[in-house]
Protein backbone atom coordinates (compact mmCIF):
# COMPACT_ATOMS: atom_id res chain seq x y z
CA MET A 1 176.36 25.89 71.80
CA ALA A 2 175.02 29.01 73.82
CA GLU A 3 171.16 28.98 74.73
CA LYS A 4 169.14 31.45 72.55
CA ALA A 5 167.79 34.03 74.75
CA ASN A 6 164.25 34.24 75.46
CA VAL A 7 163.52 37.92 76.47
CA ASP A 8 163.57 40.46 74.10
CA LEU A 9 163.79 43.27 77.08
CA LEU A 10 164.39 42.70 80.48
CA LEU A 11 164.04 45.82 82.78
CA ARG A 12 166.23 45.47 85.62
CA GLY A 13 166.36 46.22 89.66
CA GLY A 14 163.46 49.34 89.41
CA HIS A 15 160.54 49.78 91.95
CA VAL A 16 157.76 47.78 90.75
CA ILE A 17 154.17 49.39 91.68
CA ASP A 18 151.75 47.35 89.97
CA PRO A 19 148.54 47.45 92.40
CA ALA A 20 146.22 45.13 90.01
CA ASN A 21 148.87 42.35 91.03
CA HIS A 22 149.27 43.27 94.70
CA ARG A 23 153.19 43.69 93.75
CA ASN A 24 155.15 47.03 95.36
CA GLY A 25 158.97 46.45 95.26
CA VAL A 26 161.90 45.82 93.59
CA MET A 27 161.58 43.36 90.92
CA ASP A 28 162.34 42.54 87.32
CA VAL A 29 160.36 42.94 84.06
CA ALA A 30 160.67 40.73 81.18
CA ILE A 31 159.14 41.59 77.70
CA ARG A 32 158.98 39.03 74.65
CA ASP A 33 156.79 39.93 72.04
CA GLY A 34 155.40 42.79 72.95
CA ARG A 35 153.76 41.31 76.26
CA VAL A 36 154.64 40.92 79.64
CA ALA A 37 156.17 37.74 79.91
CA LYS A 38 157.62 37.58 83.99
CA VAL A 39 157.38 40.01 86.81
CA ALA A 40 159.81 38.50 89.67
CA PRO A 41 163.18 39.65 91.61
CA GLU A 42 166.36 39.10 89.84
CA LEU A 43 165.54 37.43 86.67
CA ASP A 44 168.32 36.30 84.73
CA PRO A 45 169.98 38.81 82.77
CA THR A 46 171.88 36.33 80.38
CA GLN A 47 168.53 35.42 79.21
CA ALA A 48 167.35 38.74 77.11
CA ILE A 49 168.43 40.52 74.26
CA ARG A 50 168.72 43.71 75.78
CA VAL A 51 168.70 44.51 79.97
CA VAL A 52 167.88 48.52 80.96
CA GLU A 53 168.95 49.06 84.39
CA LEU A 54 166.66 50.61 86.37
CA GLU A 55 167.76 50.96 90.02
CA GLY A 56 166.30 53.85 91.89
CA LEU A 57 163.57 54.32 89.85
CA TYR A 58 159.91 53.25 89.67
CA VAL A 59 158.32 50.70 87.43
CA VAL A 60 154.46 51.10 86.78
CA PRO A 61 151.67 50.03 84.21
CA GLY A 62 151.35 52.51 81.09
CA LEU A 63 149.48 55.60 82.28
CA ILE A 64 145.92 55.96 81.43
CA ASP A 65 144.32 59.35 80.91
CA ILE A 66 140.47 59.02 80.49
CA HIS A 67 139.56 62.84 79.94
CA VAL A 68 141.73 64.17 77.07
CA HIS A 69 140.93 66.16 74.02
CA VAL A 70 142.84 64.75 70.93
CA HIS A 71 140.63 65.26 67.67
CA HIS A 72 143.02 67.51 66.45
CA THR A 73 142.47 67.20 62.60
CA ARG A 74 138.67 68.79 63.44
CA GLU A 75 137.55 72.07 61.76
CA PRO A 76 137.55 74.60 63.72
CA GLU A 77 140.67 74.14 65.39
CA GLY A 78 140.74 75.12 68.61
CA LEU A 79 140.83 72.57 71.47
CA SER A 80 142.33 69.26 70.67
CA VAL A 81 146.07 68.17 71.14
CA ILE A 82 147.97 65.53 68.87
CA ALA A 83 147.70 62.76 71.17
CA ASP A 84 151.46 61.17 70.51
CA HIS A 85 153.57 64.75 70.79
CA HIS A 86 152.24 64.87 74.42
CA SER A 87 151.16 61.11 76.11
CA PHE A 88 154.68 59.31 75.74
CA ARG A 89 156.48 62.15 77.13
CA SER A 90 154.27 62.01 80.62
CA GLY A 91 153.57 58.14 80.93
CA VAL A 92 150.71 57.94 79.29
CA THR A 93 149.86 54.94 77.14
CA THR A 94 146.31 55.17 76.46
CA VAL A 95 144.14 58.50 76.39
CA VAL A 96 140.21 59.06 76.17
CA ASP A 97 138.67 61.31 74.19
CA THR A 98 135.70 62.71 76.06
CA GLY A 99 133.45 63.47 73.59
CA THR A 100 135.43 66.20 71.24
CA ALA A 101 133.67 63.96 68.41
CA GLY A 102 129.77 63.78 68.83
CA ALA A 103 128.10 60.55 66.23
CA LYS A 104 128.61 62.81 63.32
CA HIS A 105 132.33 63.15 63.35
CA PHE A 106 133.30 59.90 64.96
CA LEU A 107 134.21 58.04 61.76
CA HIS A 108 136.66 60.99 60.67
CA PHE A 109 138.32 60.81 64.30
CA LYS A 110 138.95 57.53 63.73
CA ARG A 111 139.88 57.48 60.20
CA THR A 112 142.23 60.54 60.57
CA VAL A 113 143.54 60.46 64.72
CA ILE A 114 143.09 57.43 66.13
CA ASP A 115 144.20 55.13 63.48
CA LEU A 116 147.26 56.53 62.80
CA ALA A 117 148.29 57.26 66.69
CA LYS A 118 150.44 54.94 68.42
CA THR A 119 148.97 56.15 71.79
CA ARG A 120 146.09 53.93 72.28
CA ILE A 121 143.05 56.20 71.78
CA LEU A 122 139.38 55.41 72.76
CA ALA A 123 136.80 57.68 73.05
CA TYR A 124 133.21 58.67 74.89
CA VAL A 125 130.44 59.73 71.69
CA ASN A 126 129.13 63.26 72.69
CA ILE A 127 125.46 63.06 72.70
CA VAL A 128 125.23 66.14 70.72
CA LYS A 129 125.94 64.69 67.60
CA SER A 130 128.37 67.58 65.88
CA GLY A 131 130.49 67.29 69.03
CA MET A 132 132.14 70.05 71.17
CA LEU A 133 132.80 73.91 71.14
CA GLY A 134 129.79 75.64 69.31
CA ASP A 135 126.23 76.97 69.74
CA PHE A 136 125.26 73.70 68.14
CA GLU A 137 125.51 72.12 72.19
CA GLN A 138 122.72 74.16 73.34
CA ASP A 139 120.30 72.40 70.53
CA PRO A 140 118.42 69.82 71.70
CA ASP A 141 117.78 68.76 68.12
CA GLU A 142 121.30 68.01 68.16
CA MET A 143 121.38 65.44 71.09
CA ASP A 144 120.18 62.23 69.14
CA PRO A 145 119.96 58.91 71.77
CA GLU A 146 119.73 56.40 69.43
CA LEU A 147 122.21 57.89 66.83
CA ALA A 148 125.20 58.33 69.67
CA ALA A 149 124.40 54.87 71.00
CA ALA A 150 124.50 53.39 67.31
CA THR A 151 127.98 54.71 66.99
CA VAL A 152 128.75 52.97 70.43
CA LEU A 153 127.59 49.97 69.07
CA ALA A 154 129.54 50.28 65.54
CA TYR A 155 132.80 50.44 67.40
CA PRO A 156 133.09 48.78 70.42
CA GLU A 157 136.85 48.33 70.18
CA LEU A 158 137.21 51.95 70.57
CA CYS A 159 134.34 53.63 72.23
CA VAL A 160 133.82 53.27 75.97
CA GLY A 161 130.70 55.00 76.84
CA ILE A 162 128.63 58.72 76.16
CA LYS A 163 129.82 62.32 77.18
CA THR A 164 127.43 65.48 78.31
CA ALA A 165 129.35 68.31 78.50
CA HIS A 166 128.56 72.31 78.41
CA TYR A 167 124.93 72.62 78.21
CA TRP A 168 124.31 75.17 80.24
CA THR A 169 124.30 78.66 79.07
CA ARG A 170 121.00 79.38 77.84
CA GLU A 171 118.46 80.67 80.79
CA PRO A 172 115.61 80.65 81.25
CA TRP A 173 114.64 77.63 80.44
CA ASP A 174 111.39 76.86 78.24
CA ASP A 175 109.50 73.78 76.75
CA VAL A 176 112.56 73.24 74.25
CA HIS A 177 115.51 74.18 76.44
CA GLN A 178 114.65 72.04 79.56
CA PRO A 179 117.48 72.08 82.65
CA TRP A 180 117.82 67.82 82.09
CA ILE A 181 117.41 67.06 78.63
CA ALA A 182 121.18 67.02 77.78
CA VAL A 183 121.61 64.65 80.71
CA ASP A 184 118.35 62.25 80.20
CA ARG A 185 119.14 62.12 76.62
CA ALA A 186 122.86 60.96 77.55
CA ILE A 187 121.54 58.25 80.29
CA GLU A 188 119.01 57.45 77.35
CA ALA A 189 121.78 56.75 75.04
CA ALA A 190 124.04 54.86 77.64
CA GLU A 191 121.18 52.82 78.38
CA LEU A 192 120.87 51.38 74.44
CA CYS A 193 124.36 51.26 74.42
CA GLN A 194 124.81 49.78 77.75
CA LYS A 195 127.71 51.43 78.42
CA HIS A 196 128.24 54.22 81.24
CA VAL A 197 127.79 58.25 81.11
CA MET A 198 130.85 60.52 81.95
CA PHE A 199 129.35 63.96 82.99
CA ASP A 200 130.52 67.46 82.43
CA PHE A 201 127.89 69.70 84.65
CA TRP A 202 127.27 73.16 85.80
CA PRO A 203 124.71 73.61 88.63
CA ARG A 204 121.44 75.46 88.38
CA PRO A 205 118.77 76.27 90.46
CA GLU A 206 116.53 74.00 88.51
CA ARG A 207 119.45 70.85 88.01
CA PRO A 208 121.08 71.12 91.35
CA TYR A 209 124.19 68.99 91.96
CA ARG A 210 122.86 66.78 94.54
CA GLU A 211 119.69 65.77 92.21
CA LEU A 212 122.47 64.77 89.46
CA LEU A 213 124.44 62.69 91.92
CA LEU A 214 121.88 60.90 93.89
CA GLU A 215 118.91 60.66 91.39
CA LYS A 216 119.92 61.25 87.97
CA MET A 217 123.70 59.72 87.80
CA ARG A 218 123.41 55.23 87.85
CA PRO A 219 125.96 53.26 89.31
CA GLY A 220 129.34 53.46 87.24
CA ASP A 221 128.50 56.80 85.69
CA ILE A 222 131.75 59.40 86.10
CA HIS A 223 131.15 62.50 87.23
CA THR A 224 134.42 64.80 86.02
CA HIS A 225 135.81 68.17 87.14
CA VAL A 226 135.39 67.30 90.73
CA TYR A 227 137.50 69.62 92.43
CA ALA A 228 136.06 72.54 90.46
CA GLN A 229 134.62 75.72 91.78
CA GLN A 230 131.05 75.20 90.89
CA PHE A 231 130.71 71.81 92.76
CA PRO A 232 128.91 72.66 96.59
CA ILE A 233 131.46 69.12 97.75
CA LEU A 234 132.11 71.31 100.81
CA ASP A 235 130.29 72.12 103.64
CA GLU A 236 130.18 75.57 105.80
CA GLU A 237 133.22 73.72 107.94
CA SER A 238 135.31 73.12 104.53
CA ARG A 239 134.66 69.73 105.26
CA PRO A 240 133.48 67.23 102.44
CA GLN A 241 129.55 67.30 102.25
CA ALA A 242 127.89 63.95 103.06
CA PHE A 243 126.29 63.36 100.21
CA LEU A 244 129.30 62.49 98.23
CA PHE A 245 129.96 59.76 100.29
CA GLU A 246 126.04 58.58 99.44
CA ALA A 247 126.79 58.74 96.12
CA ARG A 248 129.82 57.18 96.16
CA GLU A 249 128.12 54.31 97.86
CA LYS A 250 125.68 54.52 95.19
CA GLY A 251 128.66 53.37 92.81
CA ILE A 252 129.26 56.82 91.25
CA ILE A 253 132.48 57.55 90.17
CA PHE A 254 134.44 61.07 90.93
CA ASP A 255 137.22 61.97 88.31
CA VAL A 256 139.70 64.61 88.41
CA GLY A 257 139.26 65.99 84.96
CA HIS A 258 141.80 68.59 85.88
CA GLY A 259 141.44 71.26 82.77
CA ALA A 260 141.78 74.81 82.38
CA GLY A 261 138.97 75.61 84.95
CA SER A 262 138.12 72.63 87.04
CA PHE A 263 140.77 72.47 89.40
CA TRP A 264 141.24 74.73 92.49
CA PHE A 265 143.17 73.93 95.36
CA ARG A 266 140.63 75.50 97.71
CA LYS A 267 138.45 72.53 96.91
CA ALA A 268 141.04 69.65 96.33
CA VAL A 269 142.58 70.11 99.50
CA PRO A 270 140.13 70.29 102.23
CA ALA A 271 138.29 67.46 100.18
CA ILE A 272 140.92 65.16 99.89
CA GLU A 273 142.21 65.81 103.43
CA GLY A 274 138.47 65.29 104.70
CA GLY A 275 138.82 61.76 103.39
CA PHE A 276 137.19 62.27 99.94
CA GLY A 277 139.75 61.41 97.04
CA PRO A 278 139.31 61.06 93.69
CA ASP A 279 138.69 57.70 92.14
CA SER A 280 140.92 58.31 89.18
CA ILE A 281 142.84 61.19 88.37
CA SER A 282 143.11 62.76 84.41
CA THR A 283 144.12 66.12 82.97
CA ASP A 284 141.12 67.08 80.40
CA LEU A 285 144.47 67.96 78.52
CA HIS A 286 143.70 70.61 75.59
CA ILE A 287 145.76 73.21 73.94
CA GLY A 288 144.62 75.71 76.41
CA ASN A 289 146.09 74.01 79.26
CA VAL A 290 149.15 72.14 77.77
CA ASN A 291 151.45 75.39 79.57
CA GLY A 292 149.67 75.59 82.00
CA PRO A 293 148.10 74.88 84.70
CA VAL A 294 147.57 71.23 83.95
CA ILE A 295 150.91 70.84 81.44
CA ASP A 296 150.42 66.97 81.72
CA MET A 297 149.58 64.07 83.63
CA GLN A 298 152.42 63.40 85.67
CA THR A 299 151.71 67.30 86.83
CA THR A 300 148.30 66.27 88.15
CA MET A 301 149.37 63.14 89.57
CA SER A 302 152.01 65.21 91.66
CA LYS A 303 149.60 67.57 93.08
CA CYS A 304 147.27 64.48 94.48
CA LEU A 305 151.04 63.32 95.83
CA ASN A 306 151.69 66.41 97.58
CA ILE A 307 147.89 67.41 98.50
CA GLY A 308 147.98 63.68 100.75
CA LEU A 309 147.68 60.65 98.51
CA SER A 310 150.47 57.96 98.93
CA LEU A 311 152.68 57.29 95.63
CA GLU A 312 150.87 53.63 95.38
CA ASP A 313 147.57 55.54 95.71
CA VAL A 314 148.63 58.17 92.71
CA ILE A 315 149.68 54.75 90.43
CA TYR A 316 146.83 52.96 91.66
CA ARG A 317 144.28 55.99 90.43
CA SER A 318 146.08 56.23 87.23
CA THR A 319 145.95 52.87 86.05
CA VAL A 320 143.84 50.21 88.23
CA THR A 321 140.39 52.69 88.41
CA PRO A 322 140.52 54.11 85.38
CA ALA A 323 141.04 50.99 83.22
CA ARG A 324 138.08 50.06 85.28
CA GLU A 325 135.89 52.62 85.03
CA ILE A 326 136.26 52.15 80.89
CA GLY A 327 135.95 48.64 80.97
CA ARG A 328 139.29 47.70 80.19
CA SER A 329 140.61 45.60 82.91
CA GLU A 330 143.13 44.22 80.80
CA LEU A 331 145.06 48.17 80.89
CA GLY A 332 146.75 49.42 83.71
CA THR A 333 148.65 46.07 84.72
CA LEU A 334 151.76 44.46 84.45
CA SER A 335 149.94 41.25 84.74
CA GLU A 336 151.70 38.24 82.21
CA GLY A 337 150.57 38.34 79.06
CA ALA A 338 149.76 41.90 79.09
CA GLU A 339 150.55 44.04 76.71
CA ALA A 340 153.69 45.51 77.69
CA ASP A 341 152.60 49.35 78.59
CA VAL A 342 155.13 50.64 80.99
CA THR A 343 156.08 53.76 82.32
CA VAL A 344 159.49 54.85 84.31
CA LEU A 345 159.27 57.09 86.83
CA GLN A 346 161.75 59.29 89.41
CA LEU A 347 160.47 60.40 92.37
CA GLU A 348 162.08 63.74 92.87
CA ARG A 349 162.40 65.73 96.52
CA GLY A 350 162.74 69.34 96.81
CA ARG A 351 160.92 71.90 96.51
CA PHE A 352 158.31 72.50 94.04
CA GLY A 353 155.22 74.50 92.92
CA PHE A 354 152.10 73.79 91.63
CA THR A 355 149.46 75.59 90.27
CA ASP A 356 145.78 75.61 90.04
CA CYS A 357 143.40 76.90 87.86
CA GLY A 358 142.97 80.44 89.49
CA ALA A 359 146.75 81.29 89.38
CA ALA A 360 147.46 80.20 92.77
CA LYS A 361 150.41 78.03 94.07
CA LEU A 362 150.81 74.75 95.86
CA VAL A 363 154.19 74.08 97.09
CA GLY A 364 155.28 70.63 97.51
CA ASP A 365 158.15 68.64 98.18
CA LYS A 366 157.97 65.86 95.69
CA ARG A 367 157.68 65.31 91.88
CA LEU A 368 156.98 62.53 89.27
CA ARG A 369 159.16 62.90 86.27
CA CYS A 370 158.47 60.16 83.69
CA LEU A 371 162.05 58.87 82.14
CA MET A 372 160.56 56.02 80.27
CA THR A 373 157.71 55.12 78.16
CA LEU A 374 157.51 51.97 76.68
CA ARG A 375 154.12 51.25 74.37
CA ALA A 376 153.21 47.12 73.78
CA GLY A 377 156.97 46.64 74.45
CA GLU A 378 158.39 49.27 72.19
CA ILE A 379 160.48 52.03 74.05
CA VAL A 380 158.77 55.08 72.54
CA PHE A 381 160.27 57.74 75.17
CA ASP A 382 163.86 57.69 76.50
CA SER A 383 164.45 60.87 77.80
CA ASP A 384 168.10 60.55 80.06
CA GLY A 385 169.16 57.23 77.30
CA LEU A 386 168.80 54.94 80.00
CA SER A 387 168.13 52.13 77.25
CA MET A 388 171.07 53.41 75.26
CA PRO A 389 175.04 53.11 75.48
CA THR A 390 177.38 55.93 76.24
CA TRP A 391 178.33 57.51 72.86
CA THR A 392 182.31 56.33 74.13
CA GLU A 393 181.08 52.70 74.15
CA ALA A 394 178.51 52.74 71.29
CA PRO A 395 178.59 50.31 68.52
CA PRO A 396 179.68 51.15 64.74
CA SER A 397 175.91 51.48 64.08
CA TYR A 398 175.98 54.73 65.98
CA TRP A 399 176.47 56.50 62.90
CA GLU A 400 173.09 55.11 61.58
CA LEU A 401 170.00 57.53 62.10
CA ARG A 402 167.46 56.06 64.28
CA ARG A 403 163.67 56.56 63.47
């Protein structure tokens, strides 16, 4: 009697890049019961129910995008995308919604979006209880540290921290609308729930950028949109400012957060070439940038790759570091026993154009393309049919519509 197969799926012959486990070479990945069973060279294919041949392709942990907007059920519309429509096709298995919902709408976000999605959705709770995109973002009465912290504590499996954003339009300042009030209240909320803050910030003379990094932010806090035009990250000779390295030494985290207006080659290229690359790569994906300049996670990764980061660095900053930054080290890895979130990438060579938020172009010679994505061991995206037989070899069940 033939021995029963003990692996549900074998991803065979791909080049595994798994920075969390210092793997970088041709290996097989065995998956059983939705989890990684084993990663090693030349595993026995006869022990697998299903084998997918991936020679010449890269197999990496499911990508993590820690800056997106996916609360698409909230009115008024105008910001969020539907997570499952955009995540898997670009190799992303985990997203973090960055403050689209505040405490007032978080339960609605959970009930109508998070609980129904195949994509793993985590969240920052906005210090503004009504969330984003409204005049209420300028109202200090909307910034309730205790309510924001209580929401995080009520949903520890979903909430990773506090978000502050978009408090910069009112000038001159007065006793109520103080320059640092959104920052200070976000930090107060984070200290109450023992989490970090993600900062979306616009400097003003009364609240300078250097002071934010070196005096306000705490170790583990995240500054997103680091290559946006408003930040003086370069000195007069277009080199990274010394205080950036001081902030990083302090423990401040710098995230890409590309967005529709927060990534400029004239900032990113000199900074990265000068040794100040991002700690994590993220998109700030929303309906205003899915058709450009962001498009998706792999496009943002490809920009960083062509500016000068190595492929392993790009994978590391799209898996390991974002997982660490949000306190979910069990993600972004192909460790045995980990949930089998896996991305299969092709590295294309040629001549490719990439655009920034100012409609300027960078020409590069390499581009990442996602061919297949697995979420918890299930193949949820397979654009080239890597897991499928040719139609001439398909069994009779080929005539049955698969969903």
